[in-house]
Amino acid sequence: MPQHCAAYFCANRRTIASRARGITFHKFPKDKHVRKKWEVALRRDGFTASDSSVLCCKHFKQSDFDKTGQIVRLRDGVIPSVFSFPVHLQKSEILSCSTDNTHRSPEDKFYLYGFCKVR
């Protein structure tokens, strides 16, 4: 049975066809601290990786790979960072905040500490 990529909405499966397309699959790290960082990066509530859980190469930057040998490997300690999350899982970056309500734009969002510009 083919393995599926554990990333949210990723349809890549480990098959002969995916291998022919150059898609590589990588097991979750054995180191429990790095493994936890991978699990958190996925933003899947309640997800705990099993020994057979994998992520495909589409969730890593090119610089995360060591391609010097015959086998494509991930560099030690890399964390997956390339995802297409649905809107409700995307994190907003707060650019600035103000408690002054007079100079705010309609797209500013209200937080407990004031009105904030988000990206």
C-alpha atoms as a PDB file:
ATOM      1  CA  MET A   1       0.000   0.000   0.000  1.00  0.00           C
ATOM      2  CA  PRO A   2       1.464   3.406  -0.969  1.00  0.00           C
ATOM      3  CA  GLN A   3       2.361   5.890   1.736  1.00  0.00           C
ATOM      4  CA  HIS A   4       0.662   9.292   1.679  1.00  0.00           C
ATOM      5  CA  CYS A   5       2.384  12.565   2.488  1.00  0.00           C
ATOM      6  CA  ALA A   6       1.269  13.661   5.978  1.00  0.00           C
ATOM      7  CA  ALA A   7       0.963  17.360   5.023  1.00  0.00           C
ATOM      8  CA  TYR A   8      -2.438  19.055   5.035  1.00  0.00           C
ATOM      9  CA  PHE A   9      -4.154  18.732   1.604  1.00  0.00           C
ATOM     10  CA  CYS A  10      -1.077  17.145  -0.027  1.00  0.00           C
ATOM     11  CA  ALA A  11      -2.122  14.382  -2.421  1.00  0.00           C
ATOM     12  CA  ASN A  12       1.365  12.992  -3.093  1.00  0.00           C
ATOM     13  CA  ARG A  13       1.738   9.266  -2.538  1.00  0.00           C
ATOM     14  CA  ARG A  14       4.855   7.130  -2.684  1.00  0.00           C
ATOM     15  CA  THR A  15       4.346   5.268  -5.959  1.00  0.00           C
ATOM     16  CA  ILE A  16       6.403   4.322  -8.989  1.00  0.00           C
ATOM     17  CA  ALA A  17       4.827   7.258 -10.852  1.00  0.00           C
ATOM     18  CA  SER A  18       5.740   9.800  -8.141  1.00  0.00           C
ATOM     19  CA  ARG A  19       9.289   8.468  -8.065  1.00  0.00           C
ATOM     20  CA  ALA A  20       9.507   8.894 -11.844  1.00  0.00           C
ATOM     21  CA  ARG A  21       8.413  12.540 -11.369  1.00  0.00           C
ATOM     22  CA  GLY A  22      11.303  13.050  -8.925  1.00  0.00           C
ATOM     23  CA  ILE A  23       9.176  13.296  -5.786  1.00  0.00           C
ATOM     24  CA  THR A  24      11.080  11.995  -2.788  1.00  0.00           C
ATOM     25  CA  PHE A  25       9.589  11.012   0.564  1.00  0.00           C
ATOM     26  CA  HIS A  26      11.214  11.465   3.946  1.00  0.00           C
ATOM     27  CA  LYS A  27      10.423   9.759   7.247  1.00  0.00           C
ATOM     28  CA  PHE A  28       9.868  11.828  10.348  1.00  0.00           C
ATOM     29  CA  PRO A  29      13.065  12.198  12.410  1.00  0.00           C
ATOM     30  CA  LYS A  30      13.775   9.766  15.235  1.00  0.00           C
ATOM     31  CA  ASP A  31      14.995  12.631  17.468  1.00  0.00           C
ATOM     32  CA  LYS A  32      11.873  13.441  19.500  1.00  0.00           C
ATOM     33  CA  HIS A  33      12.565  17.202  19.675  1.00  0.00           C
ATOM     34  CA  VAL A  34      12.996  17.601  15.910  1.00  0.00           C
ATOM     35  CA  ARG A  35      10.087  15.209  15.303  1.00  0.00           C
ATOM     36  CA  LYS A  36       7.850  17.430  17.472  1.00  0.00           C
ATOM     37  CA  LYS A  37       8.893  20.499  15.429  1.00  0.00           C
ATOM     38  CA  TRP A  38       7.855  18.669  12.242  1.00  0.00           C
ATOM     39  CA  GLU A  39       4.482  17.772  13.796  1.00  0.00           C
ATOM     40  CA  VAL A  40       3.889  21.390  14.874  1.00  0.00           C
ATOM     41  CA  ALA A  41       4.907  22.691  11.412  1.00  0.00           C
ATOM     42  CA  LEU A  42       2.105  20.619   9.849  1.00  0.00           C
ATOM     43  CA  ARG A  43      -0.590  22.516  11.859  1.00  0.00           C
ATOM     44  CA  ARG A  44      -2.751  19.388  12.091  1.00  0.00           C
ATOM     45  CA  ASP A  45      -4.617  19.288  15.414  1.00  0.00           C
ATOM     46  CA  GLY A  46      -3.933  16.100  17.326  1.00  0.00           C
ATOM     47  CA  PHE A  47      -1.492  14.714  14.735  1.00  0.00           C
ATOM     48  CA  THR A  48       1.243  12.471  16.073  1.00  0.00           C
ATOM     49  CA  ALA A  49       3.612  10.941  13.537  1.00  0.00           C
ATOM     50  CA  SER A  50       3.922   7.174  13.450  1.00  0.00           C
ATOM     51  CA  ASP A  51       7.076   5.304  12.475  1.00  0.00           C
ATOM     52  CA  SER A  52       5.699   5.052   8.930  1.00  0.00           C
ATOM     53  CA  SER A  53       4.667   8.734   8.550  1.00  0.00           C
ATOM     54  CA  VAL A  54       6.377  10.593   5.707  1.00  0.00           C
ATOM     55  CA  LEU A  55       6.513  14.041   4.127  1.00  0.00           C
ATOM     56  CA  CYS A  56       7.218  14.589   0.445  1.00  0.00           C
ATOM     57  CA  CYS A  57       9.964  16.846  -0.875  1.00  0.00           C
ATOM     58  CA  LYS A  58       7.432  19.560  -1.803  1.00  0.00           C
ATOM     59  CA  HIS A  59       7.366  20.755   1.835  1.00  0.00           C
ATOM     60  CA  PHE A  60      11.069  21.573   2.060  1.00  0.00           C
ATOM     61  CA  LYS A  61      13.235  24.306   0.546  1.00  0.00           C
ATOM     62  CA  GLN A  62      15.879  23.264  -1.994  1.00  0.00           C
ATOM     63  CA  SER A  63      18.578  24.312   0.489  1.00  0.00           C
ATOM     64  CA  ASP A  64      17.236  21.698   2.959  1.00  0.00           C
ATOM     65  CA  PHE A  65      18.516  18.838   0.787  1.00  0.00           C
ATOM     66  CA  ASP A  66      21.914  17.185   0.511  1.00  0.00           C
ATOM     67  CA  LYS A  67      22.195  15.950  -3.071  1.00  0.00           C
ATOM     68  CA  THR A  68      25.912  15.150  -3.050  1.00  0.00           C
ATOM     69  CA  GLY A  69      25.425  11.370  -3.001  1.00  0.00           C
ATOM     70  CA  GLN A  70      23.266   9.015  -5.018  1.00  0.00           C
ATOM     71  CA  ILE A  71      20.413   9.321  -2.505  1.00  0.00           C
ATOM     72  CA  VAL A  72      18.644  12.635  -1.859  1.00  0.00           C
ATOM     73  CA  ARG A  73      18.794  13.270   1.893  1.00  0.00           C
ATOM     74  CA  LEU A  74      17.567  16.009   4.171  1.00  0.00           C
ATOM     75  CA  ARG A  75      20.215  17.968   6.035  1.00  0.00           C
ATOM     76  CA  ASP A  76      20.290  17.405   9.790  1.00  0.00           C
ATOM     77  CA  GLY A  77      17.807  19.421  11.820  1.00  0.00           C
ATOM     78  CA  VAL A  78      15.768  20.902   8.940  1.00  0.00           C
ATOM     79  CA  ILE A  79      12.089  21.654   9.560  1.00  0.00           C
ATOM     80  CA  PRO A  80       9.477  21.495   6.764  1.00  0.00           C
ATOM     81  CA  SER A  81       8.351  25.010   5.866  1.00  0.00           C
ATOM     82  CA  VAL A  82       6.604  24.940   2.474  1.00  0.00           C
ATOM     83  CA  PHE A  83       2.851  24.417   2.823  1.00  0.00           C
ATOM     84  CA  SER A  84      -0.405  25.550   1.193  1.00  0.00           C
ATOM     85  CA  PHE A  85      -2.561  25.928   4.271  1.00  0.00           C
ATOM     86  CA  PRO A  86      -6.267  26.731   4.082  1.00  0.00           C
ATOM     87  CA  VAL A  87      -7.095  30.257   5.279  1.00  0.00           C
ATOM     88  CA  HIS A  88      -8.151  29.178   8.782  1.00  0.00           C
ATOM     89  CA  LEU A  89      -4.672  27.692   9.391  1.00  0.00           C
ATOM     90  CA  GLN A  90      -2.645  30.578   7.984  1.00  0.00           C
ATOM     91  CA  LYS A  91      -0.844  32.713  10.523  1.00  0.00           C
ATOM     92  CA  SER A  92      -1.100  36.492  10.253  1.00  0.00           C
ATOM     93  CA  GLU A  93       1.999  38.584  10.786  1.00  0.00           C
ATOM     94  CA  ILE A  94       1.311  41.648  12.936  1.00  0.00           C
ATOM     95  CA  LEU A  95       3.062  44.675  11.430  1.00  0.00           C
ATOM     96  CA  SER A  96       2.091  47.411  13.924  1.00  0.00           C
ATOM     97  CA  CYS A  97      -0.493  48.202  16.598  1.00  0.00           C
ATOM     98  CA  SER A  98      -2.107  51.342  17.982  1.00  0.00           C
ATOM     99  CA  THR A  99      -4.720  52.097  20.608  1.00  0.00           C
ATOM    100  CA  ASP A 100      -5.652  55.231  18.617  1.00  0.00           C
ATOM    101  CA  ASN A 101      -8.936  54.526  16.823  1.00  0.00           C
ATOM    102  CA  THR A 102      -8.890  57.767  14.765  1.00  0.00           C
ATOM    103  CA  HIS A 103      -6.201  56.831  12.217  1.00  0.00           C
ATOM    104  CA  ARG A 104      -7.082  53.241  11.486  1.00  0.00           C
ATOM    105  CA  SER A 105      -7.974  51.789   8.104  1.00  0.00           C
ATOM    106  CA  PRO A 106     -10.971  49.480   7.528  1.00  0.00           C
ATOM    107  CA  GLU A 107      -8.713  46.442   7.090  1.00  0.00           C
ATOM    108  CA  ASP A 108      -7.038  46.893  10.496  1.00  0.00           C
ATOM    109  CA  LYS A 109      -8.001  44.144  12.917  1.00  0.00           C
ATOM    110  CA  PHE A 110      -8.898  44.671  16.578  1.00  0.00           C
ATOM    111  CA  TYR A 111      -6.925  42.708  19.168  1.00  0.00           C
ATOM    112  CA  LEU A 112      -6.953  43.026  22.965  1.00  0.00           C
ATOM    113  CA  TYR A 113      -4.046  45.455  22.808  1.00  0.00           C
ATOM    114  CA  GLY A 114      -5.416  47.726  20.050  1.00  0.00           C
ATOM    115  CA  PHE A 115      -5.921  47.977  16.299  1.00  0.00           C
ATOM    116  CA  CYS A 116      -3.246  46.201  14.282  1.00  0.00           C
ATOM    117  CA  LYS A 117      -2.071  46.110  10.697  1.00  0.00           C
ATOM    118  CA  VAL A 118      -1.591  42.497   9.632  1.00  0.00           C
ATOM    119  CA  ARG A 119      -0.058  40.861   6.613  1.00  0.00           C
END
